[in-house]
């Protein structure tokens, strides 16, 4: 268990809204089929923005919301699987965009895929024993990894960024994180830049590949497991939780988890109908939106829970009541 305070949040959409009706013109699908299978009606796609651009814009919002100066930021962690480049890290690019080149900043990326923000959040909470203000960002331009002629994946994903400024405080956290690397082939993207013999590799290796049914079963199992783990750690019951913010992968996954846990679906916050699956950005975007919509009580208890390629998964219980 650790203690922090979420000082500020921010989020941004990518430039172009792509509806299901737009996709009907490109692949053999329909709005009705997509909504029934996923709950998604639209998503946002970057045309000229890079991952660092979205991360920077979300960061400015979070810093303003935290009522601190950008020079107060001591650590920048970016969770992404779509960095601008192999190196340097996207976090270093965000540092430069924020104009913090003359400030001592510990900046690095992590790739936990769709679980990435949860992993970054958990790392940041531990680093607060050494630092006072940490900027944690989930940012993706996952549209670059999508085969827009593959209806099984192009309907699911979108681009965006969410950010949080964390500081020291009395909010109690309970963490859980795990991975099952033997399931790596269930959800992966090899990526052309890392293949030595490019001429003998098809473009499909660059795209995100997913075994949908396997992901579906895995997600239901590990989301339930992760929620139950942090509840056990805290000694709380599901009835003590005000809101659950899951990775925004698929309406059917979330509804199945709610049913298995015998929890009203309204306890799960969802914005996937508008944003689709924004990978590492989905949880911080959802948290920021829920906060602005007044769905997170000042003394509330919230669970963040997610899963992703790796396969990875985990949860964090945020207890703003300090155990009361």
C-alpha atoms as a PDB file:
ATOM      1  CA  UNK A   1       0.000   0.000   0.000  1.00  0.00           C
ATOM      2  CA  UNK A   2       1.201   3.529  -0.761  1.00  0.00           C
ATOM      3  CA  UNK A   3      -0.194   7.052  -0.313  1.00  0.00           C
ATOM      4  CA  UNK A   4      -0.468   9.803  -2.908  1.00  0.00           C
ATOM      5  CA  UNK A   5      -2.701  12.575  -4.195  1.00  0.00           C
ATOM      6  CA  UNK A   6      -3.945  12.999  -7.748  1.00  0.00           C
ATOM      7  CA  UNK A   7      -3.327  16.724  -8.140  1.00  0.00           C
ATOM      8  CA  UNK A   8      -4.563  17.207 -11.690  1.00  0.00           C
ATOM      9  CA  UNK A   9      -5.808  15.431 -14.803  1.00  0.00           C
ATOM     10  CA  UNK A  10      -6.115  16.160 -18.505  1.00  0.00           C
ATOM     11  CA  UNK A  11      -7.064  14.474 -21.770  1.00  0.00           C
ATOM     12  CA  UNK A  12      -7.177  15.161 -25.500  1.00  0.00           C
ATOM     13  CA  UNK A  13      -8.776  13.582 -28.539  1.00  0.00           C
ATOM     14  CA  UNK A  14      -6.958  13.066 -31.809  1.00  0.00           C
ATOM     15  CA  UNK A  15      -7.844  15.308 -34.733  1.00  0.00           C
ATOM     16  CA  UNK A  16     -10.254  13.329 -36.901  1.00  0.00           C
ATOM     17  CA  UNK A  17     -13.465  11.643 -35.797  1.00  0.00           C
ATOM     18  CA  UNK A  18     -14.121   8.394 -37.652  1.00  0.00           C
ATOM     19  CA  UNK A  19     -17.624   6.972 -37.271  1.00  0.00           C
ATOM     20  CA  UNK A  20     -18.828   3.466 -37.939  1.00  0.00           C
ATOM     21  CA  UNK A  21     -20.573   4.825 -41.014  1.00  0.00           C
ATOM     22  CA  UNK A  22     -17.197   6.027 -42.295  1.00  0.00           C
ATOM     23  CA  UNK A  23     -15.815   2.512 -41.853  1.00  0.00           C
ATOM     24  CA  UNK A  24     -18.786   1.035 -43.723  1.00  0.00           C
ATOM     25  CA  UNK A  25     -17.385   2.740 -46.822  1.00  0.00           C
ATOM     26  CA  UNK A  26     -13.997   1.092 -46.379  1.00  0.00           C
ATOM     27  CA  UNK A  27     -14.536  -2.468 -45.157  1.00  0.00           C
ATOM     28  CA  UNK A  28     -17.333  -5.014 -45.119  1.00  0.00           C
ATOM     29  CA  UNK A  29     -19.036  -4.021 -41.883  1.00  0.00           C
ATOM     30  CA  UNK A  30     -21.961  -2.008 -40.558  1.00  0.00           C
ATOM     31  CA  UNK A  31     -22.696   0.359 -37.719  1.00  0.00           C
ATOM     32  CA  UNK A  32     -25.156  -2.162 -36.299  1.00  0.00           C
ATOM     33  CA  UNK A  33     -22.593  -4.995 -36.316  1.00  0.00           C
ATOM     34  CA  UNK A  34     -19.854  -2.877 -34.705  1.00  0.00           C
ATOM     35  CA  UNK A  35     -22.124  -1.539 -31.965  1.00  0.00           C
ATOM     36  CA  UNK A  36     -23.534  -4.981 -31.177  1.00  0.00           C
ATOM     37  CA  UNK A  37     -20.086  -6.590 -31.017  1.00  0.00           C
ATOM     38  CA  UNK A  38     -18.134  -3.796 -29.320  1.00  0.00           C
ATOM     39  CA  UNK A  39     -20.347  -0.946 -28.140  1.00  0.00           C
ATOM     40  CA  UNK A  40     -18.206   1.467 -30.178  1.00  0.00           C
ATOM     41  CA  UNK A  41     -19.807   4.112 -32.409  1.00  0.00           C
ATOM     42  CA  UNK A  42     -16.785   6.263 -33.241  1.00  0.00           C
ATOM     43  CA  UNK A  43     -13.104   6.809 -32.582  1.00  0.00           C
ATOM     44  CA  UNK A  44     -10.577   9.606 -33.138  1.00  0.00           C
ATOM     45  CA  UNK A  45      -7.606   9.246 -35.475  1.00  0.00           C
ATOM     46  CA  UNK A  46      -4.498  11.397 -35.697  1.00  0.00           C
ATOM     47  CA  UNK A  47      -3.690  12.746 -39.149  1.00  0.00           C
ATOM     48  CA  UNK A  48      -0.574  14.817 -38.396  1.00  0.00           C
ATOM     49  CA  UNK A  49      -0.124  14.570 -34.622  1.00  0.00           C
ATOM     50  CA  UNK A  50       2.432  12.249 -33.098  1.00  0.00           C
ATOM     51  CA  UNK A  51       2.127  10.484 -29.757  1.00  0.00           C
ATOM     52  CA  UNK A  52       4.295  13.146 -28.102  1.00  0.00           C
ATOM     53  CA  UNK A  53       2.026  15.918 -29.432  1.00  0.00           C
ATOM     54  CA  UNK A  54      -1.044  14.368 -27.831  1.00  0.00           C
ATOM     55  CA  UNK A  55       0.893  13.658 -24.638  1.00  0.00           C
ATOM     56  CA  UNK A  56       2.070  17.264 -24.462  1.00  0.00           C
ATOM     57  CA  UNK A  57      -1.445  18.678 -24.851  1.00  0.00           C
ATOM     58  CA  UNK A  58      -2.878  16.385 -22.171  1.00  0.00           C
ATOM     59  CA  UNK A  59       0.044  17.285 -19.901  1.00  0.00           C
ATOM     60  CA  UNK A  60      -0.645  21.002 -20.157  1.00  0.00           C
ATOM     61  CA  UNK A  61      -4.219  20.389 -19.001  1.00  0.00           C
ATOM     62  CA  UNK A  62      -3.107  18.206 -16.100  1.00  0.00           C
ATOM     63  CA  UNK A  63      -0.478  20.715 -14.945  1.00  0.00           C
ATOM     64  CA  UNK A  64      -2.994  23.560 -15.080  1.00  0.00           C
ATOM     65  CA  UNK A  65      -5.556  21.434 -13.231  1.00  0.00           C
ATOM     66  CA  UNK A  66      -2.947  20.673 -10.547  1.00  0.00           C
ATOM     67  CA  UNK A  67      -2.318  24.401  -9.976  1.00  0.00           C
ATOM     68  CA  UNK A  68       1.431  23.973 -10.178  1.00  0.00           C
ATOM     69  CA  UNK A  69       4.111  25.324 -12.489  1.00  0.00           C
ATOM     70  CA  UNK A  70       5.454  23.038 -15.181  1.00  0.00           C
ATOM     71  CA  UNK A  71       8.907  23.585 -13.666  1.00  0.00           C
ATOM     72  CA  UNK A  72       7.660  21.717 -10.579  1.00  0.00           C
ATOM     73  CA  UNK A  73       7.567  18.454 -12.565  1.00  0.00           C
ATOM     74  CA  UNK A  74      10.460  16.195 -11.539  1.00  0.00           C
ATOM     75  CA  UNK A  75       9.507  12.941 -13.280  1.00  0.00           C
ATOM     76  CA  UNK A  76       7.772  12.258 -16.600  1.00  0.00           C
ATOM     77  CA  UNK A  77       6.578   8.731 -17.364  1.00  0.00           C
ATOM     78  CA  UNK A  78       4.894   8.012 -20.687  1.00  0.00           C
ATOM     79  CA  UNK A  79       3.039   4.757 -21.222  1.00  0.00           C
ATOM     80  CA  UNK A  80       2.811   4.007 -24.930  1.00  0.00           C
ATOM     81  CA  UNK A  81       3.312   1.298 -27.507  1.00  0.00           C
ATOM     82  CA  UNK A  82       3.291   3.836 -30.356  1.00  0.00           C
ATOM     83  CA  UNK A  83       6.265   6.110 -29.624  1.00  0.00           C
ATOM     84  CA  UNK A  84       7.294   8.795 -32.089  1.00  0.00           C
ATOM     85  CA  UNK A  85      10.550   6.921 -32.663  1.00  0.00           C
ATOM     86  CA  UNK A  86      12.590   4.038 -31.285  1.00  0.00           C
ATOM     87  CA  UNK A  87      14.746   6.436 -29.298  1.00  0.00           C
ATOM     88  CA  UNK A  88      14.776   8.891 -27.585  1.00  0.00           C
ATOM     89  CA  UNK A  89      11.828   8.184 -25.344  1.00  0.00           C
ATOM     90  CA  UNK A  90       8.523   9.952 -25.847  1.00  0.00           C
ATOM     91  CA  UNK A  91       8.887  11.252 -22.288  1.00  0.00           C
ATOM     92  CA  UNK A  92      12.046  13.129 -23.311  1.00  0.00           C
ATOM     93  CA  UNK A  93      10.175  14.614 -26.265  1.00  0.00           C
ATOM     94  CA  UNK A  94       7.412  15.762 -23.907  1.00  0.00           C
ATOM     95  CA  UNK A  95      10.033  17.284 -21.609  1.00  0.00           C
ATOM     96  CA  UNK A  96      11.360  19.294 -24.556  1.00  0.00           C
ATOM     97  CA  UNK A  97       7.882  20.398 -25.645  1.00  0.00           C
ATOM     98  CA  UNK A  98       7.185  21.565 -22.084  1.00  0.00           C
ATOM     99  CA  UNK A  99      10.382  23.628 -22.169  1.00  0.00           C
ATOM    100  CA  UNK A 100      11.940  21.796 -19.232  1.00  0.00           C
ATOM    101  CA  UNK A 101      15.347  21.225 -20.797  1.00  0.00           C
ATOM    102  CA  UNK A 102      17.091  23.257 -18.082  1.00  0.00           C
ATOM    103  CA  UNK A 103      15.226  21.451 -15.289  1.00  0.00           C
ATOM    104  CA  UNK A 104      16.312  18.163 -13.697  1.00  0.00           C
ATOM    105  CA  UNK A 105      13.709  15.699 -15.004  1.00  0.00           C
ATOM    106  CA  UNK A 106      13.727  11.901 -14.756  1.00  0.00           C
ATOM    107  CA  UNK A 107      11.998  10.973 -18.046  1.00  0.00           C
ATOM    108  CA  UNK A 108      11.292   7.530 -19.449  1.00  0.00           C
ATOM    109  CA  UNK A 109       8.725   5.404 -21.295  1.00  0.00           C
ATOM    110  CA  UNK A 110       7.179   2.060 -20.480  1.00  0.00           C
ATOM    111  CA  UNK A 111       5.425  -0.319 -22.853  1.00  0.00           C
ATOM    112  CA  UNK A 112       2.756  -2.303 -21.082  1.00  0.00           C
ATOM    113  CA  UNK A 113       0.424  -2.009 -24.074  1.00  0.00           C
ATOM    114  CA  UNK A 114      -3.134  -1.326 -22.883  1.00  0.00           C
ATOM    115  CA  UNK A 115      -2.036  -1.978 -19.272  1.00  0.00           C
ATOM    116  CA  UNK A 116       0.714   0.603 -19.666  1.00  0.00           C
ATOM    117  CA  UNK A 117      -0.859   3.472 -17.768  1.00  0.00           C
ATOM    118  CA  UNK A 118      -1.634   1.229 -14.801  1.00  0.00           C
ATOM    119  CA  UNK A 119       1.986   0.090 -14.733  1.00  0.00           C
ATOM    120  CA  UNK A 120       3.228   3.689 -15.001  1.00  0.00           C
ATOM    121  CA  UNK A 121       0.845   4.830 -12.263  1.00  0.00           C
ATOM    122  CA  UNK A 122       2.082   2.111  -9.925  1.00  0.00           C
ATOM    123  CA  UNK A 123       5.737   2.948 -10.616  1.00  0.00           C
ATOM    124  CA  UNK A 124       5.045   6.648 -10.063  1.00  0.00           C
ATOM    125  CA  UNK A 125       3.375   6.038  -6.707  1.00  0.00           C
ATOM    126  CA  UNK A 126       6.540   4.293  -5.513  1.00  0.00           C
ATOM    127  CA  UNK A 127       8.772   7.091  -6.827  1.00  0.00           C
ATOM    128  CA  UNK A 128       6.900   9.658  -4.726  1.00  0.00           C
ATOM    129  CA  UNK A 129       9.082   8.667  -1.783  1.00  0.00           C
ATOM    130  CA  UNK A 130      11.879  10.502  -3.660  1.00  0.00           C
ATOM    131  CA  UNK A 131      10.026  13.106  -5.722  1.00  0.00           C
ATOM    132  CA  UNK A 132       7.199  15.587  -5.126  1.00  0.00           C
ATOM    133  CA  UNK A 133       5.509  15.999  -8.522  1.00  0.00           C
ATOM    134  CA  UNK A 134       5.280  13.278 -11.156  1.00  0.00           C
ATOM    135  CA  UNK A 135       3.616  13.577 -14.559  1.00  0.00           C
ATOM    136  CA  UNK A 136       2.153  10.253 -15.717  1.00  0.00           C
ATOM    137  CA  UNK A 137       0.843  10.043 -19.271  1.00  0.00           C
ATOM    138  CA  UNK A 138      -0.872   7.443 -21.416  1.00  0.00           C
ATOM    139  CA  UNK A 139      -0.658   8.445 -25.068  1.00  0.00           C
ATOM    140  CA  UNK A 140      -1.226   6.504 -28.272  1.00  0.00           C
ATOM    141  CA  UNK A 141      -1.468   6.947 -32.016  1.00  0.00           C
ATOM    142  CA  UNK A 142      -2.446   3.333 -32.422  1.00  0.00           C
ATOM    143  CA  UNK A 143      -4.061   4.059 -35.784  1.00  0.00           C
ATOM    144  CA  UNK A 144      -0.513   3.772 -37.203  1.00  0.00           C
ATOM    145  CA  UNK A 145      -0.467   0.094 -36.203  1.00  0.00           C
ATOM    146  CA  UNK A 146      -3.865  -0.771 -37.622  1.00  0.00           C
ATOM    147  CA  UNK A 147      -4.600  -2.385 -40.962  1.00  0.00           C
ATOM    148  CA  UNK A 148      -7.542  -0.258 -42.031  1.00  0.00           C
ATOM    149  CA  UNK A 149      -8.635  -3.012 -44.401  1.00  0.00           C
ATOM    150  CA  UNK A 150      -8.976  -5.510 -41.542  1.00  0.00           C
ATOM    151  CA  UNK A 151     -12.459  -5.167 -40.116  1.00  0.00           C
ATOM    152  CA  UNK A 152     -11.598  -7.255 -37.044  1.00  0.00           C
ATOM    153  CA  UNK A 153      -9.224  -4.579 -35.715  1.00  0.00           C
ATOM    154  CA  UNK A 154      -9.875  -1.277 -37.487  1.00  0.00           C
ATOM    155  CA  UNK A 155     -13.284  -0.903 -35.840  1.00  0.00           C
ATOM    156  CA  UNK A 156     -11.821  -1.129 -32.334  1.00  0.00           C
ATOM    157  CA  UNK A 157      -9.043   1.393 -31.900  1.00  0.00           C
ATOM    158  CA  UNK A 158      -8.547   5.146 -31.668  1.00  0.00           C
ATOM    159  CA  UNK A 159      -5.922   7.741 -30.757  1.00  0.00           C
ATOM    160  CA  UNK A 160      -5.710  10.042 -27.755  1.00  0.00           C
ATOM    161  CA  UNK A 161      -3.880  10.903 -24.555  1.00  0.00           C
ATOM    162  CA  UNK A 162      -4.625  11.236 -20.862  1.00  0.00           C
ATOM    163  CA  UNK A 163      -2.379  12.609 -18.125  1.00  0.00           C
ATOM    164  CA  UNK A 164      -2.200  12.889 -14.352  1.00  0.00           C
ATOM    165  CA  UNK A 165       0.003  14.902 -12.023  1.00  0.00           C
ATOM    166  CA  UNK A 166       0.688  12.915  -8.868  1.00  0.00           C
ATOM    167  CA  UNK A 167       1.968  14.304  -5.584  1.00  0.00           C
ATOM    168  CA  UNK A 168       2.331  13.238  -1.995  1.00  0.00           C
ATOM    169  CA  UNK A 169      -0.882  12.933  -0.007  1.00  0.00           C
ATOM    170  CA  UNK A 170      -3.197  10.800   2.093  1.00  0.00           C
ATOM    171  CA  UNK A 171      -4.963   8.867  -0.663  1.00  0.00           C
ATOM    172  CA  UNK A 172      -4.364   5.161  -0.091  1.00  0.00           C
ATOM    173  CA  UNK A 173      -3.481   2.924  -3.022  1.00  0.00           C
ATOM    174  CA  UNK A 174      -3.668  -0.840  -3.373  1.00  0.00           C
ATOM    175  CA  UNK A 175      -1.898  -2.264  -6.422  1.00  0.00           C
ATOM    176  CA  UNK A 176      -1.934  -5.505  -8.361  1.00  0.00           C
ATOM    177  CA  UNK A 177      -0.010  -6.274 -11.564  1.00  0.00           C
ATOM    178  CA  UNK A 178       0.698  -9.484 -13.425  1.00  0.00           C
ATOM    179  CA  UNK A 179       1.636 -10.836 -16.836  1.00  0.00           C
ATOM    180  CA  UNK A 180       1.384 -14.082 -18.780  1.00  0.00           C
ATOM    181  CA  UNK A 181       4.128 -13.967 -21.392  1.00  0.00           C
ATOM    182  CA  UNK A 182       3.301 -17.397 -22.754  1.00  0.00           C
ATOM    183  CA  UNK A 183       0.196 -15.809 -24.300  1.00  0.00           C
ATOM    184  CA  UNK A 184       2.209 -13.263 -26.280  1.00  0.00           C
ATOM    185  CA  UNK A 185       0.867 -14.453 -29.652  1.00  0.00           C
ATOM    186  CA  UNK A 186      -2.727 -13.725 -28.653  1.00  0.00           C
ATOM    187  CA  UNK A 187      -2.220  -9.977 -29.125  1.00  0.00           C
ATOM    188  CA  UNK A 188       0.920  -8.620 -30.742  1.00  0.00           C
ATOM    189  CA  UNK A 189       2.523  -6.416 -33.380  1.00  0.00           C
ATOM    190  CA  UNK A 190       6.008  -7.431 -34.468  1.00  0.00           C
ATOM    191  CA  UNK A 191       6.828  -4.155 -36.171  1.00  0.00           C
ATOM    192  CA  UNK A 192       8.844  -3.759 -39.334  1.00  0.00           C
ATOM    193  CA  UNK A 193      11.576  -1.553 -37.793  1.00  0.00           C
ATOM    194  CA  UNK A 194      12.752  -4.469 -35.624  1.00  0.00           C
ATOM    195  CA  UNK A 195      12.884  -7.042 -38.420  1.00  0.00           C
ATOM    196  CA  UNK A 196      16.355  -7.558 -39.940  1.00  0.00           C
ATOM    197  CA  UNK A 197      15.284  -8.869 -43.337  1.00  0.00           C
ATOM    198  CA  UNK A 198      12.656  -6.321 -44.319  1.00  0.00           C
ATOM    199  CA  UNK A 199      12.329  -7.463 -47.927  1.00  0.00           C
ATOM    200  CA  UNK A 200      11.133 -10.905 -46.889  1.00  0.00           C
ATOM    201  CA  UNK A 201       8.631  -9.610 -44.359  1.00  0.00           C
ATOM    202  CA  UNK A 202       5.073  -8.771 -45.288  1.00  0.00           C
ATOM    203  CA  UNK A 203       3.557  -5.493 -44.163  1.00  0.00           C
ATOM    204  CA  UNK A 204       1.177  -7.457 -41.953  1.00  0.00           C
ATOM    205  CA  UNK A 205       3.952  -7.943 -39.378  1.00  0.00           C
ATOM    206  CA  UNK A 206       3.765  -4.219 -38.684  1.00  0.00           C
ATOM    207  CA  UNK A 207       0.053  -4.298 -37.927  1.00  0.00           C
ATOM    208  CA  UNK A 208      -1.627  -5.231 -34.694  1.00  0.00           C
ATOM    209  CA  UNK A 209      -2.716  -8.863 -34.781  1.00  0.00           C
ATOM    210  CA  UNK A 210      -5.275 -10.223 -32.368  1.00  0.00           C
ATOM    211  CA  UNK A 211      -7.012 -13.514 -31.664  1.00  0.00           C
ATOM    212  CA  UNK A 212     -10.291 -11.966 -30.653  1.00  0.00           C
ATOM    213  CA  UNK A 213     -11.950 -14.895 -28.895  1.00  0.00           C
ATOM    214  CA  UNK A 214      -8.828 -15.645 -26.858  1.00  0.00           C
ATOM    215  CA  UNK A 215      -8.510 -11.999 -25.844  1.00  0.00           C
ATOM    216  CA  UNK A 216     -12.181 -11.930 -24.867  1.00  0.00           C
ATOM    217  CA  UNK A 217     -11.895 -14.924 -22.538  1.00  0.00           C
ATOM    218  CA  UNK A 218      -8.591 -13.747 -21.085  1.00  0.00           C
ATOM    219  CA  UNK A 219      -9.909 -10.248 -20.417  1.00  0.00           C
ATOM    220  CA  UNK A 220     -12.972 -11.411 -18.504  1.00  0.00           C
ATOM    221  CA  UNK A 221     -10.860 -13.716 -16.337  1.00  0.00           C
ATOM    222  CA  UNK A 222      -8.112 -11.253 -15.454  1.00  0.00           C
ATOM    223  CA  UNK A 223     -10.283  -8.169 -14.980  1.00  0.00           C
ATOM    224  CA  UNK A 224     -12.319 -10.042 -12.392  1.00  0.00           C
ATOM    225  CA  UNK A 225      -9.158 -11.449 -10.793  1.00  0.00           C
ATOM    226  CA  UNK A 226      -7.507  -8.021 -10.622  1.00  0.00           C
ATOM    227  CA  UNK A 227     -10.517  -6.306  -9.054  1.00  0.00           C
ATOM    228  CA  UNK A 228     -10.873  -9.051  -6.467  1.00  0.00           C
ATOM    229  CA  UNK A 229      -7.156  -8.869  -5.621  1.00  0.00           C
ATOM    230  CA  UNK A 230      -7.145  -5.165  -4.725  1.00  0.00           C
ATOM    231  CA  UNK A 231     -10.412  -5.558  -2.819  1.00  0.00           C
ATOM    232  CA  UNK A 232      -8.836  -8.353  -0.771  1.00  0.00           C
ATOM    233  CA  UNK A 233      -5.773  -6.213  -0.055  1.00  0.00           C
ATOM    234  CA  UNK A 234      -7.890  -3.294   1.131  1.00  0.00           C
ATOM    235  CA  UNK A 235     -10.399  -5.294   3.139  1.00  0.00           C
ATOM    236  CA  UNK A 236     -13.193  -3.586   1.214  1.00  0.00           C
ATOM    237  CA  UNK A 237     -16.116  -5.101  -0.661  1.00  0.00           C
ATOM    238  CA  UNK A 238     -17.323  -4.215  -4.128  1.00  0.00           C
ATOM    239  CA  UNK A 239     -20.215  -2.344  -2.496  1.00  0.00           C
ATOM    240  CA  UNK A 240     -17.680   0.049  -0.928  1.00  0.00           C
ATOM    241  CA  UNK A 241     -16.466   1.126  -4.370  1.00  0.00           C
ATOM    242  CA  UNK A 242     -18.013   4.203  -5.973  1.00  0.00           C
ATOM    243  CA  UNK A 243     -16.739   3.699  -9.513  1.00  0.00           C
ATOM    244  CA  UNK A 244     -14.741   1.189 -11.550  1.00  0.00           C
ATOM    245  CA  UNK A 245     -12.787   2.577 -14.502  1.00  0.00           C
ATOM    246  CA  UNK A 246     -11.822  -0.319 -16.774  1.00  0.00           C
ATOM    247  CA  UNK A 247      -9.650  -0.303 -19.850  1.00  0.00           C
ATOM    248  CA  UNK A 248     -12.058   0.721 -22.591  1.00  0.00           C
ATOM    249  CA  UNK A 249     -11.655  -2.316 -24.812  1.00  0.00           C
ATOM    250  CA  UNK A 250     -15.130  -3.625 -25.515  1.00  0.00           C
ATOM    251  CA  UNK A 251     -18.608  -3.188 -24.048  1.00  0.00           C
ATOM    252  CA  UNK A 252     -19.247  -6.940 -24.070  1.00  0.00           C
ATOM    253  CA  UNK A 253     -16.092  -7.636 -22.047  1.00  0.00           C
ATOM    254  CA  UNK A 254     -17.033  -5.078 -19.407  1.00  0.00           C
ATOM    255  CA  UNK A 255     -20.655  -6.234 -19.217  1.00  0.00           C
ATOM    256  CA  UNK A 256     -19.558  -9.871 -18.808  1.00  0.00           C
ATOM    257  CA  UNK A 257     -17.230  -8.892 -15.947  1.00  0.00           C
ATOM    258  CA  UNK A 258     -20.041  -6.986 -14.243  1.00  0.00           C
ATOM    259  CA  UNK A 259     -22.348  -9.984 -14.612  1.00  0.00           C
ATOM    260  CA  UNK A 260     -19.765 -12.433 -13.241  1.00  0.00           C
ATOM    261  CA  UNK A 261     -19.111 -10.166 -10.258  1.00  0.00           C
ATOM    262  CA  UNK A 262     -22.844  -9.552  -9.760  1.00  0.00           C
ATOM    263  CA  UNK A 263     -22.295  -5.806  -9.967  1.00  0.00           C
ATOM    264  CA  UNK A 264     -24.605  -3.309 -11.630  1.00  0.00           C
ATOM    265  CA  UNK A 265     -23.088  -2.269 -14.946  1.00  0.00           C
ATOM    266  CA  UNK A 266     -23.606   1.391 -14.006  1.00  0.00           C
ATOM    267  CA  UNK A 267     -20.684   1.063 -11.566  1.00  0.00           C
ATOM    268  CA  UNK A 268     -18.361   0.680 -14.577  1.00  0.00           C
ATOM    269  CA  UNK A 269     -17.505   3.948 -16.320  1.00  0.00           C
ATOM    270  CA  UNK A 270     -17.455   3.735 -20.112  1.00  0.00           C
ATOM    271  CA  UNK A 271     -16.596   6.213 -22.854  1.00  0.00           C
ATOM    272  CA  UNK A 272     -15.644   3.639 -25.483  1.00  0.00           C
ATOM    273  CA  UNK A 273     -18.778   4.401 -27.472  1.00  0.00           C
ATOM    274  CA  UNK A 274     -17.109   7.693 -28.508  1.00  0.00           C
ATOM    275  CA  UNK A 275     -13.370   6.987 -28.193  1.00  0.00           C
ATOM    276  CA  UNK A 276     -12.995   3.294 -28.953  1.00  0.00           C
ATOM    277  CA  UNK A 277      -9.981   1.516 -27.490  1.00  0.00           C
ATOM    278  CA  UNK A 278      -7.143   4.026 -27.031  1.00  0.00           C
ATOM    279  CA  UNK A 279      -4.787   1.477 -25.454  1.00  0.00           C
ATOM    280  CA  UNK A 280      -2.614   3.026 -22.708  1.00  0.00           C
ATOM    281  CA  UNK A 281      -4.562   6.280 -22.986  1.00  0.00           C
ATOM    282  CA  UNK A 282      -7.960   4.757 -22.239  1.00  0.00           C
ATOM    283  CA  UNK A 283      -7.836   4.692 -18.436  1.00  0.00           C
ATOM    284  CA  UNK A 284      -6.451   8.221 -17.881  1.00  0.00           C
ATOM    285  CA  UNK A 285      -8.861   9.645 -20.459  1.00  0.00           C
ATOM    286  CA  UNK A 286     -11.772   7.882 -18.755  1.00  0.00           C
ATOM    287  CA  UNK A 287     -10.647   9.014 -15.290  1.00  0.00           C
ATOM    288  CA  UNK A 288     -10.369  12.645 -16.391  1.00  0.00           C
ATOM    289  CA  UNK A 289     -13.776  12.539 -18.066  1.00  0.00           C
ATOM    290  CA  UNK A 290     -15.450  10.854 -15.089  1.00  0.00           C
ATOM    291  CA  UNK A 291     -13.947  13.468 -12.791  1.00  0.00           C
ATOM    292  CA  UNK A 292     -15.232  16.321 -14.941  1.00  0.00           C
ATOM    293  CA  UNK A 293     -18.661  14.703 -15.080  1.00  0.00           C
ATOM    294  CA  UNK A 294     -18.806  14.615 -11.272  1.00  0.00           C
ATOM    295  CA  UNK A 295     -18.804  10.829 -11.113  1.00  0.00           C
ATOM    296  CA  UNK A 296     -15.818  10.581  -8.754  1.00  0.00           C
ATOM    297  CA  UNK A 297     -16.759  11.768  -5.245  1.00  0.00           C
ATOM    298  CA  UNK A 298     -14.189  13.889  -3.409  1.00  0.00           C
ATOM    299  CA  UNK A 299     -13.898  11.162  -0.777  1.00  0.00           C
ATOM    300  CA  UNK A 300     -14.650   8.359  -3.189  1.00  0.00           C
ATOM    301  CA  UNK A 301     -13.147   4.969  -3.840  1.00  0.00           C
ATOM    302  CA  UNK A 302     -12.235   4.124  -7.417  1.00  0.00           C
ATOM    303  CA  UNK A 303     -10.727   1.043  -9.039  1.00  0.00           C
ATOM    304  CA  UNK A 304      -8.649   1.334 -12.207  1.00  0.00           C
ATOM    305  CA  UNK A 305      -8.362  -2.017 -13.970  1.00  0.00           C
ATOM    306  CA  UNK A 306      -6.975  -3.115 -17.305  1.00  0.00           C
ATOM    307  CA  UNK A 307      -5.320  -5.696 -19.520  1.00  0.00           C
ATOM    308  CA  UNK A 308      -3.226  -5.642 -22.654  1.00  0.00           C
ATOM    309  CA  UNK A 309      -0.708  -7.299 -24.926  1.00  0.00           C
ATOM    310  CA  UNK A 310       1.965  -9.290 -23.210  1.00  0.00           C
ATOM    311  CA  UNK A 311      -0.385 -10.463 -21.992  1.00  0.00           C
ATOM    312  CA  UNK A 312      -0.482  -8.013 -19.092  1.00  0.00           C
ATOM    313  CA  UNK A 313      -3.058  -6.979 -16.534  1.00  0.00           C
ATOM    314  CA  UNK A 314      -3.572  -5.304 -13.188  1.00  0.00           C
ATOM    315  CA  UNK A 315      -5.567  -2.930 -11.028  1.00  0.00           C
ATOM    316  CA  UNK A 316      -5.205  -0.067  -8.578  1.00  0.00           C
ATOM    317  CA  UNK A 317      -7.729   0.773  -5.880  1.00  0.00           C
ATOM    318  CA  UNK A 318      -7.703   4.495  -5.067  1.00  0.00           C
ATOM    319  CA  UNK A 319      -9.116   5.102  -1.589  1.00  0.00           C
ATOM    320  CA  UNK A 320      -9.746   8.811  -1.039  1.00  0.00           C
ATOM    321  CA  UNK A 321     -11.331   8.124   2.335  1.00  0.00           C
ATOM    322  CA  UNK A 322      -7.987   7.130   3.794  1.00  0.00           C
ATOM    323  CA  UNK A 323      -9.340   3.851   5.081  1.00  0.00           C
ATOM    324  CA  UNK A 324     -12.265   5.475   6.899  1.00  0.00           C
END
